[in-house]
């Protein structure tokens, strides 16, 4: 497995999941845009009066980054697992609810938003 280090992540409200993850892989800096997915979700009480935010571990999806820089990186499953662990150790779990503002549909009866 290559030497992989966490450098930074800049996601913030209203696009917490859409930041840029920066990793150092074998001494070379790589940026991954839109590669994180929150394990959290936002729910409401069905009447849209009370909203709850749940936070859980981040998921890492390097395939969501379509930059040419990372196309030939070919991360192994072990490396992806290591990166996920680094992300969860260094990026506070969150679900900012920013996607609710964009996708909220008052007629949605189940009250679940991811």
PDB file of N, CA and C in Angstrom:
ATOM      1  N   UNK A   1       0.849  -1.184   0.000  1.00  0.00           N
ATOM      2  CA  UNK A   1       0.000   0.000   0.000  1.00  0.00           C
ATOM      3  C   UNK A   1       0.891   1.242   0.000  1.00  0.00           C
ATOM      4  N   UNK A   2       0.456   2.238  -0.740  1.00  0.00           N
ATOM      5  CA  UNK A   2       1.206   3.497  -0.797  1.00  0.00           C
ATOM      6  C   UNK A   2       1.068   4.266   0.514  1.00  0.00           C
ATOM      7  N   UNK A   3       2.002   5.187   0.742  1.00  0.00           N
ATOM      8  CA  UNK A   3       1.962   6.054   1.923  1.00  0.00           C
ATOM      9  C   UNK A   3       0.937   7.151   1.651  1.00  0.00           C
ATOM     10  N   UNK A   4      -0.120   7.204   2.479  1.00  0.00           N
ATOM     11  CA  UNK A   4      -1.213   8.152   2.258  1.00  0.00           C
ATOM     12  C   UNK A   4      -1.428   8.970   3.519  1.00  0.00           C
ATOM     13  N   UNK A   5      -1.443  10.298   3.371  1.00  0.00           N
ATOM     14  CA  UNK A   5      -1.646  11.218   4.490  1.00  0.00           C
ATOM     15  C   UNK A   5      -2.785  12.180   4.180  1.00  0.00           C
ATOM     16  N   UNK A   6      -3.554  12.511   5.219  1.00  0.00           N
ATOM     17  CA  UNK A   6      -4.600  13.527   5.111  1.00  0.00           C
ATOM     18  C   UNK A   6      -3.933  14.895   5.157  1.00  0.00           C
ATOM     19  N   UNK A   7      -4.344  15.795   4.262  1.00  0.00           N
ATOM     20  CA  UNK A   7      -3.829  17.166   4.260  1.00  0.00           C
ATOM     21  C   UNK A   7      -4.924  18.135   4.690  1.00  0.00           C
ATOM     22  N   UNK A   8      -6.069  18.123   3.981  1.00  0.00           N
ATOM     23  CA  UNK A   8      -7.140  19.068   4.325  1.00  0.00           C
ATOM     24  C   UNK A   8      -8.451  18.690   3.660  1.00  0.00           C
ATOM     25  N   UNK A   9      -9.519  19.331   4.143  1.00  0.00           N
ATOM     26  CA  UNK A   9     -10.837  19.254   3.510  1.00  0.00           C
ATOM     27  C   UNK A   9     -11.507  20.604   3.719  1.00  0.00           C
ATOM     28  N   UNK A  10     -12.104  21.182   2.662  1.00  0.00           N
ATOM     29  CA  UNK A  10     -12.653  22.537   2.768  1.00  0.00           C
ATOM     30  C   UNK A  10     -14.171  22.630   2.606  1.00  0.00           C
ATOM     31  N   UNK A  11     -14.886  21.509   2.682  1.00  0.00           N
ATOM     32  CA  UNK A  11     -16.344  21.560   2.567  1.00  0.00           C
ATOM     33  C   UNK A  11     -16.970  22.303   3.736  1.00  0.00           C
ATOM     34  N   UNK A  12     -18.019  23.085   3.447  1.00  0.00           N
ATOM     35  CA  UNK A  12     -18.732  23.832   4.488  1.00  0.00           C
ATOM     36  C   UNK A  12     -20.147  24.128   4.004  1.00  0.00           C
ATOM     37  N   UNK A  13     -21.016  24.521   4.918  1.00  0.00           N
ATOM     38  CA  UNK A  13     -22.393  24.852   4.591  1.00  0.00           C
ATOM     39  C   UNK A  13     -22.421  25.904   3.490  1.00  0.00           C
ATOM     40  N   UNK A  14     -23.290  25.811   2.522  1.00  0.00           N
ATOM     41  CA  UNK A  14     -24.365  24.844   2.369  1.00  0.00           C
ATOM     42  C   UNK A  14     -23.973  23.639   1.512  1.00  0.00           C
ATOM     43  N   UNK A  15     -22.711  23.398   1.328  1.00  0.00           N
ATOM     44  CA  UNK A  15     -22.256  22.260   0.527  1.00  0.00           C
ATOM     45  C   UNK A  15     -21.168  21.493   1.266  1.00  0.00           C
ATOM     46  N   UNK A  16     -21.475  21.060   2.466  1.00  0.00           N
ATOM     47  CA  UNK A  16     -20.501  20.353   3.288  1.00  0.00           C
ATOM     48  C   UNK A  16     -19.907  19.153   2.563  1.00  0.00           C
ATOM     49  N   UNK A  17     -20.725  18.438   1.820  1.00  0.00           N
ATOM     50  CA  UNK A  17     -20.257  17.235   1.109  1.00  0.00           C
ATOM     51  C   UNK A  17     -19.492  17.563  -0.174  1.00  0.00           C
ATOM     52  N   UNK A  18     -19.547  18.794  -0.613  1.00  0.00           N
ATOM     53  CA  UNK A  18     -18.989  19.147  -1.926  1.00  0.00           C
ATOM     54  C   UNK A  18     -17.667  19.880  -1.857  1.00  0.00           C
ATOM     55  N   UNK A  19     -16.901  19.615  -0.829  1.00  0.00           N
ATOM     56  CA  UNK A  19     -15.602  20.266  -0.708  1.00  0.00           C
ATOM     57  C   UNK A  19     -14.525  19.540  -1.482  1.00  0.00           C
ATOM     58  N   UNK A  20     -13.306  20.005  -1.299  1.00  0.00           N
ATOM     59  CA  UNK A  20     -12.141  19.380  -1.917  1.00  0.00           C
ATOM     60  C   UNK A  20     -11.325  18.712  -0.829  1.00  0.00           C
ATOM     61  N   UNK A  21     -11.115  17.425  -0.986  1.00  0.00           N
ATOM     62  CA  UNK A  21     -10.281  16.638  -0.096  1.00  0.00           C
ATOM     63  C   UNK A  21      -8.877  16.631  -0.675  1.00  0.00           C
ATOM     64  N   UNK A  22      -7.890  16.967   0.148  1.00  0.00           N
ATOM     65  CA  UNK A  22      -6.503  16.970  -0.305  1.00  0.00           C
ATOM     66  C   UNK A  22      -5.746  15.898   0.470  1.00  0.00           C
ATOM     67  N   UNK A  23      -5.108  15.002  -0.275  1.00  0.00           N
ATOM     68  CA  UNK A  23      -4.312  13.924   0.300  1.00  0.00           C
ATOM     69  C   UNK A  23      -2.904  13.979  -0.263  1.00  0.00           C
ATOM     70  N   UNK A  24      -1.953  13.490   0.513  1.00  0.00           N
ATOM     71  CA  UNK A  24      -0.589  13.320   0.021  1.00  0.00           C
ATOM     72  C   UNK A  24      -0.393  11.814  -0.151  1.00  0.00           C
ATOM     73  N   UNK A  25      -0.147  11.391  -1.382  1.00  0.00           N
ATOM     74  CA  UNK A  25       0.021   9.974  -1.699  1.00  0.00           C
ATOM     75  C   UNK A  25       1.433   9.781  -2.235  1.00  0.00           C
ATOM     76  N   UNK A  26       2.213   9.025  -1.471  1.00  0.00           N
ATOM     77  CA  UNK A  26       3.633   8.829  -1.797  1.00  0.00           C
ATOM     78  C   UNK A  26       4.334  10.159  -2.069  1.00  0.00           C
ATOM     79  N   UNK A  27       4.034  11.162  -1.222  1.00  0.00           N
ATOM     80  CA  UNK A  27       4.695  12.457  -1.305  1.00  0.00           C
ATOM     81  C   UNK A  27       4.109  13.406  -2.323  1.00  0.00           C
ATOM     82  N   UNK A  28       3.158  12.961  -3.128  1.00  0.00           N
ATOM     83  CA  UNK A  28       2.556  13.797  -4.160  1.00  0.00           C
ATOM     84  C   UNK A  28       1.151  14.220  -3.718  1.00  0.00           C
ATOM     85  N   UNK A  29       0.838  15.503  -3.863  1.00  0.00           N
ATOM     86  CA  UNK A  29      -0.453  16.039  -3.438  1.00  0.00           C
ATOM     87  C   UNK A  29      -1.519  15.745  -4.490  1.00  0.00           C
ATOM     88  N   UNK A  30      -2.664  15.215  -4.023  1.00  0.00           N
ATOM     89  CA  UNK A  30      -3.809  14.923  -4.890  1.00  0.00           C
ATOM     90  C   UNK A  30      -5.053  15.562  -4.288  1.00  0.00           C
ATOM     91  N   UNK A  31      -5.856  16.215  -5.128  1.00  0.00           N
ATOM     92  CA  UNK A  31      -7.106  16.828  -4.700  1.00  0.00           C
ATOM     93  C   UNK A  31      -8.271  16.047  -5.280  1.00  0.00           C
ATOM     94  N   UNK A  32      -9.280  15.787  -4.435  1.00  0.00           N
ATOM     95  CA  UNK A  32     -10.479  15.076  -4.854  1.00  0.00           C
ATOM     96  C   UNK A  32     -11.676  15.984  -4.595  1.00  0.00           C
ATOM     97  N   UNK A  33     -12.371  16.352  -5.649  1.00  0.00           N
ATOM     98  CA  UNK A  33     -13.529  17.239  -5.540  1.00  0.00           C
ATOM     99  C   UNK A  33     -14.797  16.391  -5.491  1.00  0.00           C
ATOM    100  N   UNK A  34     -15.689  16.700  -4.560  1.00  0.00           N
ATOM    101  CA  UNK A  34     -16.990  16.027  -4.429  1.00  0.00           C
ATOM    102  C   UNK A  34     -16.861  14.528  -4.144  1.00  0.00           C
ATOM    103  N   UNK A  35     -15.829  14.111  -3.452  1.00  0.00           N
ATOM    104  CA  UNK A  35     -15.576  12.689  -3.211  1.00  0.00           C
ATOM    105  C   UNK A  35     -16.081  12.212  -1.848  1.00  0.00           C
ATOM    106  N   UNK A  36     -16.639  13.108  -1.042  1.00  0.00           N
ATOM    107  CA  UNK A  36     -17.156  12.705   0.263  1.00  0.00           C
ATOM    108  C   UNK A  36     -18.675  12.679   0.251  1.00  0.00           C
ATOM    109  N   UNK A  37     -19.219  11.739   1.007  1.00  0.00           N
ATOM    110  CA  UNK A  37     -20.663  11.659   1.201  1.00  0.00           C
ATOM    111  C   UNK A  37     -20.917  11.532   2.690  1.00  0.00           C
ATOM    112  N   UNK A  38     -21.748  12.398   3.216  1.00  0.00           N
ATOM    113  CA  UNK A  38     -22.087  12.357   4.630  1.00  0.00           C
ATOM    114  C   UNK A  38     -22.906  11.117   4.931  1.00  0.00           C
ATOM    115  N   UNK A  39     -22.627  10.506   6.066  1.00  0.00           N
ATOM    116  CA  UNK A  39     -23.448   9.389   6.517  1.00  0.00           C
ATOM    117  C   UNK A  39     -24.677   9.878   7.256  1.00  0.00           C
ATOM    118  N   UNK A  40     -24.818  11.182   7.371  1.00  0.00           N
ATOM    119  CA  UNK A  40     -25.939  11.767   8.101  1.00  0.00           C
ATOM    120  C   UNK A  40     -27.154  11.996   7.236  1.00  0.00           C
ATOM    121  N   UNK A  41     -28.166  12.547   7.867  1.00  0.00           N
ATOM    122  CA  UNK A  41     -29.391  12.883   7.148  1.00  0.00           C
ATOM    123  C   UNK A  41     -30.164  13.931   7.944  1.00  0.00           C
ATOM    124  N   UNK A  42     -31.124  14.532   7.284  1.00  0.00           N
ATOM    125  CA  UNK A  42     -32.000  15.519   7.898  1.00  0.00           C
ATOM    126  C   UNK A  42     -33.419  14.972   7.820  1.00  0.00           C
ATOM    127  N   UNK A  43     -34.167  15.058   8.926  1.00  0.00           N
ATOM    128  CA  UNK A  43     -35.555  14.589   8.940  1.00  0.00           C
ATOM    129  C   UNK A  43     -36.447  15.685   9.518  1.00  0.00           C
ATOM    130  N   UNK A  44     -37.753  15.522   9.317  1.00  0.00           N
ATOM    131  CA  UNK A  44     -38.709  16.448   9.931  1.00  0.00           C
ATOM    132  C   UNK A  44     -39.843  15.644  10.550  1.00  0.00           C
ATOM    133  N   UNK A  45     -40.689  16.318  11.278  1.00  0.00           N
ATOM    134  CA  UNK A  45     -41.766  15.655  12.022  1.00  0.00           C
ATOM    135  C   UNK A  45     -42.988  15.331  11.176  1.00  0.00           C
ATOM    136  N   UNK A  46     -42.941  15.552   9.879  1.00  0.00           N
ATOM    137  CA  UNK A  46     -44.085  15.290   9.013  1.00  0.00           C
ATOM    138  C   UNK A  46     -44.957  16.510   8.812  1.00  0.00           C
ATOM    139  N   UNK A  47     -44.823  17.497   9.702  1.00  0.00           N
ATOM    140  CA  UNK A  47     -45.575  18.743   9.568  1.00  0.00           C
ATOM    141  C   UNK A  47     -44.635  19.909   9.267  1.00  0.00           C
ATOM    142  N   UNK A  48     -43.339  19.591   9.142  1.00  0.00           N
ATOM    143  CA  UNK A  48     -42.309  20.568   8.796  1.00  0.00           C
ATOM    144  C   UNK A  48     -42.108  21.616   9.887  1.00  0.00           C
ATOM    145  N   UNK A  49     -42.474  21.273  11.120  1.00  0.00           N
ATOM    146  CA  UNK A  49     -42.272  22.201  12.231  1.00  0.00           C
ATOM    147  C   UNK A  49     -40.957  21.948  12.955  1.00  0.00           C
ATOM    148  N   UNK A  50     -40.589  20.693  13.080  1.00  0.00           N
ATOM    149  CA  UNK A  50     -39.373  20.329  13.810  1.00  0.00           C
ATOM    150  C   UNK A  50     -38.464  19.509  12.909  1.00  0.00           C
ATOM    151  N   UNK A  51     -37.238  19.984  12.775  1.00  0.00           N
ATOM    152  CA  UNK A  51     -36.248  19.325  11.913  1.00  0.00           C
ATOM    153  C   UNK A  51     -35.149  18.745  12.789  1.00  0.00           C
ATOM    154  N   UNK A  52     -34.621  17.592  12.404  1.00  0.00           N
ATOM    155  CA  UNK A  52     -33.518  16.952  13.118  1.00  0.00           C
ATOM    156  C   UNK A  52     -32.384  16.670  12.145  1.00  0.00           C
ATOM    157  N   UNK A  53     -31.175  16.830  12.631  1.00  0.00           N
ATOM    158  CA  UNK A  53     -29.987  16.521  11.840  1.00  0.00           C
ATOM    159  C   UNK A  53     -29.253  15.382  12.529  1.00  0.00           C
ATOM    160  N   UNK A  54     -28.946  14.345  11.777  1.00  0.00           N
ATOM    161  CA  UNK A  54     -28.191  13.207  12.282  1.00  0.00           C
ATOM    162  C   UNK A  54     -26.846  13.162  11.568  1.00  0.00           C
ATOM    163  N   UNK A  55     -25.803  12.889  12.310  1.00  0.00           N
ATOM    164  CA  UNK A  55     -24.456  12.833  11.747  1.00  0.00           C
ATOM    165  C   UNK A  55     -23.901  11.429  11.916  1.00  0.00           C
ATOM    166  N   UNK A  56     -23.130  10.994  10.944  1.00  0.00           N
ATOM    167  CA  UNK A  56     -22.496   9.683  10.999  1.00  0.00           C
ATOM    168  C   UNK A  56     -21.231   9.741  10.146  1.00  0.00           C
ATOM    169  N   UNK A  57     -20.551   8.620  10.027  1.00  0.00           N
ATOM    170  CA  UNK A  57     -19.272   8.558   9.328  1.00  0.00           C
ATOM    171  C   UNK A  57     -19.371   9.009   7.876  1.00  0.00           C
ATOM    172  N   UNK A  58     -18.255   9.560   7.405  1.00  0.00           N
ATOM    173  CA  UNK A  58     -18.130   9.934   6.002  1.00  0.00           C
ATOM    174  C   UNK A  58     -17.865   8.698   5.164  1.00  0.00           C
ATOM    175  N   UNK A  59     -18.321   8.732   3.934  1.00  0.00           N
ATOM    176  CA  UNK A  59     -17.973   7.735   2.920  1.00  0.00           C
ATOM    177  C   UNK A  59     -17.066   8.427   1.909  1.00  0.00           C
ATOM    178  N   UNK A  60     -16.162   7.659   1.314  1.00  0.00           N
ATOM    179  CA  UNK A  60     -15.222   8.186   0.325  1.00  0.00           C
ATOM    180  C   UNK A  60     -15.542   7.580  -1.031  1.00  0.00           C
ATOM    181  N   UNK A  61     -15.816   8.450  -2.012  1.00  0.00           N
ATOM    182  CA  UNK A  61     -16.161   8.013  -3.367  1.00  0.00           C
ATOM    183  C   UNK A  61     -15.276   8.734  -4.383  1.00  0.00           C
ATOM    184  N   UNK A  62     -14.049   8.250  -4.552  1.00  0.00           N
ATOM    185  CA  UNK A  62     -13.139   8.927  -5.489  1.00  0.00           C
ATOM    186  C   UNK A  62     -13.643   8.928  -6.922  1.00  0.00           C
ATOM    187  N   UNK A  63     -14.544   8.004  -7.248  1.00  0.00           N
ATOM    188  CA  UNK A  63     -15.080   7.952  -8.607  1.00  0.00           C
ATOM    189  C   UNK A  63     -15.941   9.170  -8.924  1.00  0.00           C
ATOM    190  N   UNK A  64     -16.347   9.944  -7.913  1.00  0.00           N
ATOM    191  CA  UNK A  64     -17.136  11.161  -8.141  1.00  0.00           C
ATOM    192  C   UNK A  64     -16.282  12.327  -8.611  1.00  0.00           C
ATOM    193  N   UNK A  65     -14.961  12.184  -8.507  1.00  0.00           N
ATOM    194  CA  UNK A  65     -14.049  13.230  -8.977  1.00  0.00           C
ATOM    195  C   UNK A  65     -13.620  12.865 -10.397  1.00  0.00           C
ATOM    196  N   UNK A  66     -13.983  13.699 -11.360  1.00  0.00           N
ATOM    197  CA  UNK A  66     -13.706  13.376 -12.753  1.00  0.00           C
ATOM    198  C   UNK A  66     -12.489  14.106 -13.314  1.00  0.00           C
ATOM    199  N   UNK A  67     -11.656  14.670 -12.437  1.00  0.00           N
ATOM    200  CA  UNK A  67     -10.478  15.387 -12.914  1.00  0.00           C
ATOM    201  C   UNK A  67      -9.481  14.416 -13.534  1.00  0.00           C
ATOM    202  N   UNK A  68      -8.788  14.879 -14.539  1.00  0.00           N
ATOM    203  CA  UNK A  68      -7.778  14.051 -15.201  1.00  0.00           C
ATOM    204  C   UNK A  68      -6.658  13.670 -14.243  1.00  0.00           C
ATOM    205  N   UNK A  69      -6.406  14.523 -13.271  1.00  0.00           N
ATOM    206  CA  UNK A  69      -5.317  14.310 -12.316  1.00  0.00           C
ATOM    207  C   UNK A  69      -5.392  12.940 -11.636  1.00  0.00           C
ATOM    208  N   UNK A  70      -6.600  12.482 -11.333  1.00  0.00           N
ATOM    209  CA  UNK A  70      -6.745  11.255 -10.555  1.00  0.00           C
ATOM    210  C   UNK A  70      -7.215  10.040 -11.365  1.00  0.00           C
ATOM    211  N   UNK A  71      -7.367  10.182 -12.655  1.00  0.00           N
ATOM    212  CA  UNK A  71      -7.895   9.084 -13.460  1.00  0.00           C
ATOM    213  C   UNK A  71      -6.999   7.849 -13.452  1.00  0.00           C
ATOM    214  N   UNK A  72      -5.692   8.046 -13.366  1.00  0.00           N
ATOM    215  CA  UNK A  72      -4.765   6.912 -13.393  1.00  0.00           C
ATOM    216  C   UNK A  72      -4.249   6.544 -12.010  1.00  0.00           C
ATOM    217  N   UNK A  73      -4.870   7.060 -10.971  1.00  0.00           N
ATOM    218  CA  UNK A  73      -4.398   6.806  -9.609  1.00  0.00           C
ATOM    219  C   UNK A  73      -4.658   5.361  -9.184  1.00  0.00           C
ATOM    220  N   UNK A  74      -5.780   4.784  -9.602  1.00  0.00           N
ATOM    221  CA  UNK A  74      -6.116   3.383  -9.332  1.00  0.00           C
ATOM    222  C   UNK A  74      -5.917   2.985  -7.869  1.00  0.00           C
ATOM    223  N   UNK A  75      -6.710   3.585  -6.990  1.00  0.00           N
ATOM    224  CA  UNK A  75      -6.639   3.258  -5.567  1.00  0.00           C
ATOM    225  C   UNK A  75      -7.136   1.838  -5.328  1.00  0.00           C
ATOM    226  N   UNK A  76      -6.427   1.096  -4.495  1.00  0.00           N
ATOM    227  CA  UNK A  76      -6.861  -0.254  -4.137  1.00  0.00           C
ATOM    228  C   UNK A  76      -7.962  -0.160  -3.083  1.00  0.00           C
ATOM    229  N   UNK A  77      -8.671  -1.250  -2.853  1.00  0.00           N
ATOM    230  CA  UNK A  77      -9.699  -1.270  -1.814  1.00  0.00           C
ATOM    231  C   UNK A  77      -9.098  -0.975  -0.448  1.00  0.00           C
ATOM    232  N   UNK A  78      -7.903  -1.483  -0.184  1.00  0.00           N
ATOM    233  CA  UNK A  78      -7.219  -1.215   1.097  1.00  0.00           C
ATOM    234  C   UNK A  78      -6.886   0.259   1.239  1.00  0.00           C
ATOM    235  N   UNK A  79      -6.450   0.871   0.160  1.00  0.00           N
ATOM    236  CA  UNK A  79      -6.139   2.301   0.202  1.00  0.00           C
ATOM    237  C   UNK A  79      -7.399   3.129   0.413  1.00  0.00           C
ATOM    238  N   UNK A  80      -8.495   2.760  -0.230  1.00  0.00           N
ATOM    239  CA  UNK A  80      -9.760   3.480  -0.040  1.00  0.00           C
ATOM    240  C   UNK A  80     -10.234   3.357   1.404  1.00  0.00           C
ATOM    241  N   UNK A  81     -10.078   2.181   1.971  1.00  0.00           N
ATOM    242  CA  UNK A  81     -10.467   1.970   3.367  1.00  0.00           C
ATOM    243  C   UNK A  81      -9.605   2.826   4.295  1.00  0.00           C
ATOM    244  N   UNK A  82      -8.307   2.896   4.038  1.00  0.00           N
ATOM    245  CA  UNK A  82      -7.387   3.719   4.823  1.00  0.00           C
ATOM    246  C   UNK A  82      -7.765   5.197   4.701  1.00  0.00           C
ATOM    247  N   UNK A  83      -8.049   5.643   3.488  1.00  0.00           N
ATOM    248  CA  UNK A  83      -8.429   7.042   3.256  1.00  0.00           C
ATOM    249  C   UNK A  83      -9.717   7.366   4.014  1.00  0.00           C
ATOM    250  N   UNK A  84     -10.690   6.466   3.967  1.00  0.00           N
ATOM    251  CA  UNK A  84     -11.945   6.670   4.697  1.00  0.00           C
ATOM    252  C   UNK A  84     -11.677   6.831   6.187  1.00  0.00           C
ATOM    253  N   UNK A  85     -10.778   6.010   6.726  1.00  0.00           N
ATOM    254  CA  UNK A  85     -10.420   6.120   8.138  1.00  0.00           C
ATOM    255  C   UNK A  85      -9.763   7.476   8.414  1.00  0.00           C
ATOM    256  N   UNK A  86      -8.859   7.908   7.540  1.00  0.00           N
ATOM    257  CA  UNK A  86      -8.208   9.212   7.712  1.00  0.00           C
ATOM    258  C   UNK A  86      -9.233  10.346   7.675  1.00  0.00           C
ATOM    259  N   UNK A  87     -10.178  10.268   6.754  1.00  0.00           N
ATOM    260  CA  UNK A  87     -11.215  11.295   6.647  1.00  0.00           C
ATOM    261  C   UNK A  87     -12.012  11.371   7.944  1.00  0.00           C
ATOM    262  N   UNK A  88     -12.445  10.215   8.443  1.00  0.00           N
ATOM    263  CA  UNK A  88     -13.280  10.196   9.643  1.00  0.00           C
ATOM    264  C   UNK A  88     -12.524  10.598  10.898  1.00  0.00           C
ATOM    265  N   UNK A  89     -11.210  10.482  10.883  1.00  0.00           N
ATOM    266  CA  UNK A  89     -10.396  10.960  12.004  1.00  0.00           C
ATOM    267  C   UNK A  89     -10.150  12.462  11.936  1.00  0.00           C
ATOM    268  N   UNK A  90     -10.204  13.034  10.736  1.00  0.00           N
ATOM    269  CA  UNK A  90      -9.794  14.429  10.551  1.00  0.00           C
ATOM    270  C   UNK A  90     -10.894  15.396  10.146  1.00  0.00           C
ATOM    271  N   UNK A  91     -12.028  14.886   9.703  1.00  0.00           N
ATOM    272  CA  UNK A  91     -13.130  15.760   9.283  1.00  0.00           C
ATOM    273  C   UNK A  91     -14.304  15.486  10.209  1.00  0.00           C
ATOM    274  N   UNK A  92     -14.758  16.528  10.877  1.00  0.00           N
ATOM    275  CA  UNK A  92     -15.889  16.372  11.788  1.00  0.00           C
ATOM    276  C   UNK A  92     -17.101  15.846  11.031  1.00  0.00           C
ATOM    277  N   UNK A  93     -17.750  14.839  11.614  1.00  0.00           N
ATOM    278  CA  UNK A  93     -18.966  14.313  10.995  1.00  0.00           C
ATOM    279  C   UNK A  93     -19.979  15.432  10.892  1.00  0.00           C
ATOM    280  N   UNK A  94     -20.714  15.427   9.823  1.00  0.00           N
ATOM    281  CA  UNK A  94     -21.700  16.478   9.681  1.00  0.00           C
ATOM    282  C   UNK A  94     -22.733  16.176   8.631  1.00  0.00           C
ATOM    283  N   UNK A  95     -23.778  16.905   8.733  1.00  0.00           N
ATOM    284  CA  UNK A  95     -24.846  16.928   7.744  1.00  0.00           C
ATOM    285  C   UNK A  95     -25.419  18.325   7.871  1.00  0.00           C
ATOM    286  N   UNK A  96     -25.005  19.201   6.997  1.00  0.00           N
ATOM    287  CA  UNK A  96     -25.325  20.612   7.183  1.00  0.00           C
ATOM    288  C   UNK A  96     -26.753  20.965   6.791  1.00  0.00           C
ATOM    289  N   UNK A  97     -27.440  20.087   6.056  1.00  0.00           N
ATOM    290  CA  UNK A  97     -28.804  20.380   5.636  1.00  0.00           C
ATOM    291  C   UNK A  97     -28.892  21.261   4.408  1.00  0.00           C
ATOM    292  N   UNK A  98     -27.754  21.616   3.841  1.00  0.00           N
ATOM    293  CA  UNK A  98     -27.760  22.467   2.658  1.00  0.00           C
ATOM    294  C   UNK A  98     -28.538  21.866   1.509  1.00  0.00           C
ATOM    295  N   UNK A  99     -28.495  20.548   1.382  1.00  0.00           N
ATOM    296  CA  UNK A  99     -29.222  19.893   0.292  1.00  0.00           C
ATOM    297  C   UNK A  99     -30.732  19.963   0.509  1.00  0.00           C
ATOM    298  N   UNK A 100     -31.177  20.093   1.741  1.00  0.00           N
ATOM    299  CA  UNK A 100     -32.608  20.199   2.018  1.00  0.00           C
ATOM    300  C   UNK A 100     -33.166  21.462   1.391  1.00  0.00           C
ATOM    301  N   UNK A 101     -32.415  22.544   1.492  1.00  0.00           N
ATOM    302  CA  UNK A 101     -32.878  23.801   0.902  1.00  0.00           C
ATOM    303  C   UNK A 101     -33.090  23.663  -0.594  1.00  0.00           C
ATOM    304  N   UNK A 102     -32.247  22.868  -1.232  1.00  0.00           N
ATOM    305  CA  UNK A 102     -32.337  22.710  -2.684  1.00  0.00           C
ATOM    306  C   UNK A 102     -33.407  21.693  -3.078  1.00  0.00           C
ATOM    307  N   UNK A 103     -33.557  20.622  -2.299  1.00  0.00           N
ATOM    308  CA  UNK A 103     -34.407  19.511  -2.702  1.00  0.00           C
ATOM    309  C   UNK A 103     -35.685  19.370  -1.880  1.00  0.00           C
ATOM    310  N   UNK A 104     -35.913  20.240  -0.935  1.00  0.00           N
ATOM    311  CA  UNK A 104     -37.069  20.109  -0.049  1.00  0.00           C
ATOM    312  C   UNK A 104     -38.358  20.197  -0.836  1.00  0.00           C
ATOM    313  N   UNK A 105     -39.217  19.204  -0.635  1.00  0.00           N
ATOM    314  CA  UNK A 105     -40.512  19.166  -1.282  1.00  0.00           C
ATOM    315  C   UNK A 105     -41.573  19.030  -0.198  1.00  0.00           C
ATOM    316  N   UNK A 106     -42.358  20.059   0.095  1.00  0.00           N
ATOM    317  CA  UNK A 106     -43.346  20.006   1.175  1.00  0.00           C
ATOM    318  C   UNK A 106     -44.320  18.841   1.056  1.00  0.00           C
ATOM    319  N   UNK A 107     -44.568  18.353  -0.137  1.00  0.00           N
ATOM    320  CA  UNK A 107     -45.513  17.251  -0.282  1.00  0.00           C
ATOM    321  C   UNK A 107     -44.877  15.886   0.003  1.00  0.00           C
ATOM    322  N   UNK A 108     -43.569  15.837   0.291  1.00  0.00           N
ATOM    323  CA  UNK A 108     -42.892  14.557   0.572  1.00  0.00           C
ATOM    324  C   UNK A 108     -43.306  14.060   1.955  1.00  0.00           C
ATOM    325  N   UNK A 109     -44.113  12.990   2.044  1.00  0.00           N
ATOM    326  CA  UNK A 109     -44.682  12.559   3.318  1.00  0.00           C
ATOM    327  C   UNK A 109     -43.719  11.871   4.270  1.00  0.00           C
ATOM    328  N   UNK A 110     -42.614  11.289   3.776  1.00  0.00           N
ATOM    329  CA  UNK A 110     -41.766  10.530   4.687  1.00  0.00           C
ATOM    330  C   UNK A 110     -40.829  11.405   5.510  1.00  0.00           C
ATOM    331  N   UNK A 111     -40.553  12.602   5.080  1.00  0.00           N
ATOM    332  CA  UNK A 111     -39.742  13.517   5.861  1.00  0.00           C
ATOM    333  C   UNK A 111     -38.286  13.149   5.962  1.00  0.00           C
ATOM    334  N   UNK A 112     -37.761  12.377   5.018  1.00  0.00           N
ATOM    335  CA  UNK A 112     -36.351  11.985   5.052  1.00  0.00           C
ATOM    336  C   UNK A 112     -35.604  12.646   3.906  1.00  0.00           C
ATOM    337  N   UNK A 113     -34.466  13.206   4.218  1.00  0.00           N
ATOM    338  CA  UNK A 113     -33.621  13.864   3.217  1.00  0.00           C
ATOM    339  C   UNK A 113     -32.190  13.444   3.443  1.00  0.00           C
ATOM    340  N   UNK A 114     -31.505  13.041   2.402  1.00  0.00           N
ATOM    341  CA  UNK A 114     -30.119  12.586   2.533  1.00  0.00           C
ATOM    342  C   UNK A 114     -29.201  13.482   1.762  1.00  0.00           C
TER     343      UNK A 114
END
